[in-house]
Each structure stands twice: as structure tokens, then as C-alpha cells.
C-alpha atoms as a PDB file:
ATOM      1  CA  UNK A   1       0.064  -0.127   0.163  1.00  0.00           C
ATOM      2  CA  UNK A   2       1.385   3.280  -0.880  1.00  0.00           C
ATOM      3  CA  UNK A   3       1.804   6.063   1.852  1.00  0.00           C
ATOM      4  CA  UNK A   4      -1.260   8.235   1.695  1.00  0.00           C
ATOM      5  CA  UNK A   5      -0.107  11.863   2.032  1.00  0.00           C
ATOM      6  CA  UNK A   6      -2.073  15.331   2.935  1.00  0.00           C
ATOM      7  CA  UNK A   7      -0.618  18.449   2.553  1.00  0.00           C
ATOM      8  CA  UNK A   8      -2.055  21.296   4.708  1.00  0.00           C
ATOM      9  CA  UNK A   9      -0.977  25.115   5.097  1.00  0.00           C
ATOM     10  CA  UNK A  10       0.829  25.964   8.400  1.00  0.00           C
ATOM     11  CA  UNK A  11       2.145  29.457  10.219  1.00  0.00           C
ATOM     12  CA  UNK A  12       5.239  28.884  11.657  1.00  0.00           C
ATOM     13  CA  UNK A  13       4.627  29.725  15.459  1.00  0.00           C
ATOM     14  CA  UNK A  14       8.453  29.096  17.030  1.00  0.00           C
ATOM     15  CA  UNK A  15      11.623  27.987  15.390  1.00  0.00           C
ATOM     16  CA  UNK A  16      13.025  25.316  17.711  1.00  0.00           C
ATOM     17  CA  UNK A  17      17.143  24.014  18.061  1.00  0.00           C
ATOM     18  CA  UNK A  18      17.877  21.273  15.698  1.00  0.00           C
ATOM     19  CA  UNK A  19      15.493  22.773  12.806  1.00  0.00           C
ATOM     20  CA  UNK A  20      12.359  21.308  14.575  1.00  0.00           C
ATOM     21  CA  UNK A  21       9.824  24.515  14.587  1.00  0.00           C
ATOM     22  CA  UNK A  22       6.437  25.014  16.173  1.00  0.00           C
ATOM     23  CA  UNK A  23       4.106  25.639  13.524  1.00  0.00           C
ATOM     24  CA  UNK A  24      -0.226  26.148  13.577  1.00  0.00           C
ATOM     25  CA  UNK A  25      -2.047  24.560  11.299  1.00  0.00           C
ATOM     26  CA  UNK A  26      -4.037  26.924   8.620  1.00  0.00           C
ATOM     27  CA  UNK A  27      -7.358  24.448   8.032  1.00  0.00           C
ATOM     28  CA  UNK A  28     -10.439  24.357  10.590  1.00  0.00           C
ATOM     29  CA  UNK A  29     -12.478  21.099  10.249  1.00  0.00           C
ATOM     30  CA  UNK A  30     -16.048  22.057  10.845  1.00  0.00           C
ATOM     31  CA  UNK A  31     -15.029  25.660  12.120  1.00  0.00           C
ATOM     32  CA  UNK A  32     -13.065  24.419  15.121  1.00  0.00           C
ATOM     33  CA  UNK A  33      -8.952  25.525  15.168  1.00  0.00           C
ATOM     34  CA  UNK A  34      -6.314  22.902  15.082  1.00  0.00           C
ATOM     35  CA  UNK A  35      -3.980  22.495  18.042  1.00  0.00           C
ATOM     36  CA  UNK A  36      -0.435  23.920  17.733  1.00  0.00           C
ATOM     37  CA  UNK A  37       1.953  21.296  15.871  1.00  0.00           C
ATOM     38  CA  UNK A  38       4.641  20.764  18.219  1.00  0.00           C
ATOM     39  CA  UNK A  39       8.443  20.255  17.579  1.00  0.00           C
ATOM     40  CA  UNK A  40       8.139  19.609  13.512  1.00  0.00           C
ATOM     41  CA  UNK A  41      10.944  18.544  11.319  1.00  0.00           C
ATOM     42  CA  UNK A  42      11.655  21.427   8.400  1.00  0.00           C
ATOM     43  CA  UNK A  43      12.956  18.757   6.089  1.00  0.00           C
ATOM     44  CA  UNK A  44      16.395  19.677   4.337  1.00  0.00           C
ATOM     45  CA  UNK A  45      16.919  19.419  -0.172  1.00  0.00           C
ATOM     46  CA  UNK A  46      19.666  17.051  -0.426  1.00  0.00           C
ATOM     47  CA  UNK A  47      21.711  14.854   2.435  1.00  0.00           C
ATOM     48  CA  UNK A  48      23.585  15.961   5.490  1.00  0.00           C
ATOM     49  CA  UNK A  49      26.731  16.939   2.933  1.00  0.00           C
ATOM     50  CA  UNK A  50      25.436  17.783   0.807  1.00  0.00           C
ATOM     51  CA  UNK A  51      22.366  20.339   0.592  1.00  0.00           C
ATOM     52  CA  UNK A  52      20.845  23.792  -0.270  1.00  0.00           C
ATOM     53  CA  UNK A  53      19.011  25.456   3.151  1.00  0.00           C
ATOM     54  CA  UNK A  54      17.732  28.723   3.741  1.00  0.00           C
ATOM     55  CA  UNK A  55      16.555  30.566   6.112  1.00  0.00           C
ATOM     56  CA  UNK A  56      12.781  29.877   7.755  1.00  0.00           C
ATOM     57  CA  UNK A  57      11.554  32.769   9.811  1.00  0.00           C
ATOM     58  CA  UNK A  58       8.149  33.135  12.672  1.00  0.00           C
ATOM     59  CA  UNK A  59       5.312  33.892  10.438  1.00  0.00           C
ATOM     60  CA  UNK A  60       6.292  31.962   7.336  1.00  0.00           C
ATOM     61  CA  UNK A  61       3.586  30.336   5.742  1.00  0.00           C
ATOM     62  CA  UNK A  62       5.052  26.450   4.565  1.00  0.00           C
ATOM     63  CA  UNK A  63       3.447  23.422   3.300  1.00  0.00           C
ATOM     64  CA  UNK A  64       2.817  20.385   6.357  1.00  0.00           C
ATOM     65  CA  UNK A  65       2.847  16.769   4.905  1.00  0.00           C
ATOM     66  CA  UNK A  66       0.865  14.774   6.998  1.00  0.00           C
ATOM     67  CA  UNK A  67       1.508  11.359   6.911  1.00  0.00           C
ATOM     68  CA  UNK A  68       0.086   8.092   7.172  1.00  0.00           C
ATOM     69  CA  UNK A  69       2.025   5.980   9.167  1.00  0.00           C
ATOM     70  CA  UNK A  70       4.355   6.876  12.389  1.00  0.00           C
ATOM     71  CA  UNK A  71       7.826   8.416  11.465  1.00  0.00           C
ATOM     72  CA  UNK A  72       8.307   9.546  15.523  1.00  0.00           C
ATOM     73  CA  UNK A  73      11.139   6.911  16.105  1.00  0.00           C
ATOM     74  CA  UNK A  74      12.651   7.763  13.133  1.00  0.00           C
ATOM     75  CA  UNK A  75      12.681  11.807  13.697  1.00  0.00           C
ATOM     76  CA  UNK A  76      13.587  11.272  17.891  1.00  0.00           C
ATOM     77  CA  UNK A  77      15.777   8.611  17.372  1.00  0.00           C
ATOM     78  CA  UNK A  78      16.718   7.781  13.736  1.00  0.00           C
ATOM     79  CA  UNK A  79      15.209   4.282  13.437  1.00  0.00           C
ATOM     80  CA  UNK A  80      14.219   2.722  11.130  1.00  0.00           C
ATOM     81  CA  UNK A  81      12.761  -0.293  13.050  1.00  0.00           C
ATOM     82  CA  UNK A  82       9.023   0.889  13.913  1.00  0.00           C
ATOM     83  CA  UNK A  83       7.597   2.602  10.861  1.00  0.00           C
ATOM     84  CA  UNK A  84       4.123   0.752   9.981  1.00  0.00           C
ATOM     85  CA  UNK A  85       1.968   1.990  12.476  1.00  0.00           C
ATOM     86  CA  UNK A  86      -1.028   3.055  11.230  1.00  0.00           C
ATOM     87  CA  UNK A  87      -1.846   6.503  12.722  1.00  0.00           C
ATOM     88  CA  UNK A  88      -3.662   8.105  10.578  1.00  0.00           C
ATOM     89  CA  UNK A  89      -4.925  11.960  10.831  1.00  0.00           C
ATOM     90  CA  UNK A  90      -2.452  12.434  13.375  1.00  0.00           C
ATOM     91  CA  UNK A  91      -1.875  15.532  12.606  1.00  0.00           C
ATOM     92  CA  UNK A  92       1.955  15.227  14.480  1.00  0.00           C
ATOM     93  CA  UNK A  93       3.608  12.755  12.422  1.00  0.00           C
ATOM     94  CA  UNK A  94       4.720  14.582   9.787  1.00  0.00           C
ATOM     95  CA  UNK A  95       7.495  17.527   8.016  1.00  0.00           C
ATOM     96  CA  UNK A  96       7.090  20.770   6.313  1.00  0.00           C
ATOM     97  CA  UNK A  97       8.784  21.703   3.117  1.00  0.00           C
ATOM     98  CA  UNK A  98      10.473  25.304   3.369  1.00  0.00           C
ATOM     99  CA  UNK A  99       8.892  26.194   0.550  1.00  0.00           C
ATOM    100  CA  UNK A 100       6.709  29.956   1.093  1.00  0.00           C
ATOM    101  CA  UNK A 101       3.202  30.158  -0.710  1.00  0.00           C
ATOM    102  CA  UNK A 102       2.776  33.619  -1.880  1.00  0.00           C
ATOM    103  CA  UNK A 103      -0.367  35.035  -2.639  1.00  0.00           C
ATOM    104  CA  UNK A 104      -1.763  37.558  -5.109  1.00  0.00           C
ATOM    105  CA  UNK A 105      -1.318  40.741  -2.402  1.00  0.00           C
ATOM    106  CA  UNK A 106       2.426  40.044  -2.737  1.00  0.00           C
ATOM    107  CA  UNK A 107       2.262  40.948  -6.304  1.00  0.00           C
ATOM    108  CA  UNK A 108       5.810  39.031  -7.214  1.00  0.00           C
ATOM    109  CA  UNK A 109       6.621  37.757 -10.316  1.00  0.00           C
ATOM    110  CA  UNK A 110       8.414  35.291 -12.476  1.00  0.00           C
ATOM    111  CA  UNK A 111      12.223  35.991 -12.832  1.00  0.00           C
ATOM    112  CA  UNK A 112      13.508  36.323 -16.488  1.00  0.00           C
ATOM    113  CA  UNK A 113      16.637  33.964 -14.574  1.00  0.00           C
ATOM    114  CA  UNK A 114      17.521  32.271 -11.871  1.00  0.00           C
ATOM    115  CA  UNK A 115      17.666  34.765  -9.241  1.00  0.00           C
ATOM    116  CA  UNK A 116      19.166  34.188  -5.305  1.00  0.00           C
ATOM    117  CA  UNK A 117      18.015  36.939  -3.007  1.00  0.00           C
ATOM    118  CA  UNK A 118      19.249  37.548   0.263  1.00  0.00           C
ATOM    119  CA  UNK A 119      22.543  36.473   2.083  1.00  0.00           C
ATOM    120  CA  UNK A 120      24.048  33.314   0.882  1.00  0.00           C
ATOM    121  CA  UNK A 121      26.840  30.938   2.895  1.00  0.00           C
ATOM    122  CA  UNK A 122      28.481  28.763   0.449  1.00  0.00           C
ATOM    123  CA  UNK A 123      30.544  25.259   1.178  1.00  0.00           C
ATOM    124  CA  UNK A 124      33.023  23.328  -0.713  1.00  0.00           C
ATOM    125  CA  UNK A 125      34.364  23.928  -4.278  1.00  0.00           C
ATOM    126  CA  UNK A 126      32.818  26.377  -6.861  1.00  0.00           C
ATOM    127  CA  UNK A 127      33.055  25.315 -10.687  1.00  0.00           C
ATOM    128  CA  UNK A 128      32.327  28.368 -12.906  1.00  0.00           C
ATOM    129  CA  UNK A 129      31.811  28.426 -16.993  1.00  0.00           C
ATOM    130  CA  UNK A 130      30.924  31.696 -18.130  1.00  0.00           C
ATOM    131  CA  UNK A 131      31.180  35.119 -17.286  1.00  0.00           C
ATOM    132  CA  UNK A 132      30.463  36.508 -13.783  1.00  0.00           C
ATOM    133  CA  UNK A 133      29.869  40.549 -12.792  1.00  0.00           C
ATOM    134  CA  UNK A 134      29.659  41.469  -9.272  1.00  0.00           C
ATOM    135  CA  UNK A 135      28.813  44.924  -7.589  1.00  0.00           C
ATOM    136  CA  UNK A 136      30.284  45.596  -4.190  1.00  0.00           C
ATOM    137  CA  UNK A 137      33.446  44.724  -2.698  1.00  0.00           C
ATOM    138  CA  UNK A 138      35.316  41.472  -2.297  1.00  0.00           C
ATOM    139  CA  UNK A 139      37.009  39.838   0.756  1.00  0.00           C
ATOM    140  CA  UNK A 140      39.330  37.122  -0.291  1.00  0.00           C
ATOM    141  CA  UNK A 141      41.046  34.728   2.774  1.00  0.00           C
ATOM    142  CA  UNK A 142      43.511  32.517   0.551  1.00  0.00           C
ATOM    143  CA  UNK A 143      45.666  32.477  -2.453  1.00  0.00           C
ATOM    144  CA  UNK A 144      44.658  33.422  -5.658  1.00  0.00           C
ATOM    145  CA  UNK A 145      45.798  31.802  -8.918  1.00  0.00           C
ATOM    146  CA  UNK A 146      44.497  33.511 -12.123  1.00  0.00           C
ATOM    147  CA  UNK A 147      45.322  33.121 -16.022  1.00  0.00           C
ATOM    148  CA  UNK A 148      44.885  35.186 -18.362  1.00  0.00           C
ATOM    149  CA  UNK A 149      45.358  39.151 -18.348  1.00  0.00           C
ATOM    150  CA  UNK A 150      43.530  41.722 -15.735  1.00  0.00           C
ATOM    151  CA  UNK A 151      42.601  44.857 -16.357  1.00  0.00           C
ATOM    152  CA  UNK A 152      41.572  47.215 -13.549  1.00  0.00           C
ATOM    153  CA  UNK A 153      40.915  51.049 -12.957  1.00  0.00           C
ATOM    154  CA  UNK A 154      41.900  52.417  -9.966  1.00  0.00           C
ATOM    155  CA  UNK A 155      45.079  52.096  -7.689  1.00  0.00           C
ATOM    156  CA  UNK A 156      46.913  48.497  -5.959  1.00  0.00           C
ATOM    157  CA  UNK A 157      48.143  48.658  -2.681  1.00  0.00           C
ATOM    158  CA  UNK A 158      49.860  46.039  -0.857  1.00  0.00           C
ATOM    159  CA  UNK A 159      52.072  45.284   2.057  1.00  0.00           C
ATOM    160  CA  UNK A 160      54.015  42.459   0.619  1.00  0.00           C
ATOM    161  CA  UNK A 161      56.036  42.332  -2.569  1.00  0.00           C
ATOM    162  CA  UNK A 162      55.258  42.259  -5.880  1.00  0.00           C
ATOM    163  CA  UNK A 163      57.567  40.110  -8.666  1.00  0.00           C
ATOM    164  CA  UNK A 164      57.490  39.437 -12.217  1.00  0.00           C
ATOM    165  CA  UNK A 165      59.346  37.415 -14.744  1.00  0.00           C
ATOM    166  CA  UNK A 166      58.809  39.735 -17.600  1.00  0.00           C
ATOM    167  CA  UNK A 167      59.081  43.302 -17.606  1.00  0.00           C
ATOM    168  CA  UNK A 168      57.135  46.145 -15.914  1.00  0.00           C
ATOM    169  CA  UNK A 169      56.255  49.460 -18.386  1.00  0.00           C
ATOM    170  CA  UNK A 170      54.969  52.134 -16.146  1.00  0.00           C
ATOM    171  CA  UNK A 171      53.851  54.625 -18.808  1.00  0.00           C
ATOM    172  CA  UNK A 172      56.253  54.184 -21.875  1.00  0.00           C
ATOM    173  CA  UNK A 173      58.792  53.153 -19.324  1.00  0.00           C
ATOM    174  CA  UNK A 174      60.275  49.750 -19.239  1.00  0.00           C
ATOM    175  CA  UNK A 175      61.467  48.688 -15.744  1.00  0.00           C
ATOM    176  CA  UNK A 176      64.071  46.164 -17.680  1.00  0.00           C
ATOM    177  CA  UNK A 177      65.481  48.703 -20.194  1.00  0.00           C
ATOM    178  CA  UNK A 178      64.876  51.531 -19.247  1.00  0.00           C
ATOM    179  CA  UNK A 179      67.854  54.220 -18.826  1.00  0.00           C
ATOM    180  CA  UNK A 180      69.253  56.957 -16.673  1.00  0.00           C
ATOM    181  CA  UNK A 181      70.269  60.262 -17.803  1.00  0.00           C
ATOM    182  CA  UNK A 182      73.209  62.766 -15.913  1.00  0.00           C
ATOM    183  CA  UNK A 183      74.638  58.712 -15.310  1.00  0.00           C
ATOM    184  CA  UNK A 184      77.285  59.464 -12.524  1.00  0.00           C
ATOM    185  CA  UNK A 185      80.108  56.659 -11.043  1.00  0.00           C
ATOM    186  CA  UNK A 186      80.915  55.838  -7.923  1.00  0.00           C
ATOM    187  CA  UNK A 187      78.211  56.595  -5.030  1.00  0.00           C
ATOM    188  CA  UNK A 188      77.103  59.494  -6.697  1.00  0.00           C
ATOM    189  CA  UNK A 189      73.085  59.670  -7.486  1.00  0.00           C
ATOM    190  CA  UNK A 190      72.077  59.266 -11.274  1.00  0.00           C
ATOM    191  CA  UNK A 191      69.780  61.168 -12.804  1.00  0.00           C
ATOM    192  CA  UNK A 192      66.093  60.568 -13.756  1.00  0.00           C
ATOM    193  CA  UNK A 193      64.896  57.917 -16.227  1.00  0.00           C
ATOM    194  CA  UNK A 194      65.337  59.142 -19.520  1.00  0.00           C
END
């Protein structure tokens, strides 16, 4: 028999430790308000190592998936042994997917491309093929390796040394091939770059 899943909308009332929340069901059968759902798990998109996650806030409206069979032992103890008891219509037996359900008063529109709005933390490697444009400051901790040319508008300041295996140009003057005028012998000071 396939798992029977029912879905209702809930409003996040309280954020708890360990990705659990309290949620208010937005469903009143026969006009009777349902009790607050306590310690509801919020699902991850992916596994514990590789996943996409974002912040859930109090007041968010999200879908709650009500399961036919009991998963409380799995949720509380990670047990896979006791998930066959039938607890039909038990609203405490389910999980939330962290989708926010929009409404028409918010006047949201589909973007023309993929949008990420909000602060973002990435852990792991990122491989990018294509151009990248950024507005704002960039802070890097660690080494930077680059293959290709760099075009920059603005000044460069460093607290370390700069080395080059090829020549360095300052205007039309070469660091390797420039000459000085007023050259003097010994420990006297020669003139400027010719």
C-alpha cells in the first residue's frame, strides 16, 4: 500500500533547536481550530553533506505533509525499525518543506533568470563556466591563482612584495630596459629615467 500523504498549510509560530519548529495549522475542520503542532521537523533539500538550505522565520506560511504511518521513532531516534504503525489523521506525524507559499497581494513575478535574493554562505568548491559580474566589495582569505590578463581601473596597495618574471611598464618606461640621464660613477646619484 502506498503512503497516503495529505498536505495542509501552516504558519511557523516558533523556531526550535535542531531544525524543528512549532506551527499553527491554517485549517479548521467544521470551524474547529486545530492545536499547535510542536517540534515539527523541517526537511533539507539534499543529504546531510550536500544540500541547499535557507532561513525559516516565524510567520512564514509553508506546506505541512501529514503522513499515514508513524515516523516519530525515526525523527526522535533515527530508528528505521518502527515505521509501520498506522496513525491516520494524526497531525503530529509529518514534516514541513521550507517553501514559502505566496499570495496575490504580494505582487510577486517570475524572474527572467535564476535569482538568489538574500545573504548566502557557500561551503565547498565552485566551478564556473561563463562570465561573472559583481557589484560591491570582495574579501578573500587565501591565495588567488589566475590564468589570463587583468584589466583594472583604480589603484593597487600592497603590504608585501611584487615580483614579475617579465617586464613591468610605467607609461612608456620599461623597468628592465630603461635608461637614466645624468649618470655618475661611484656612489653618486644619477639623474631620472630618460
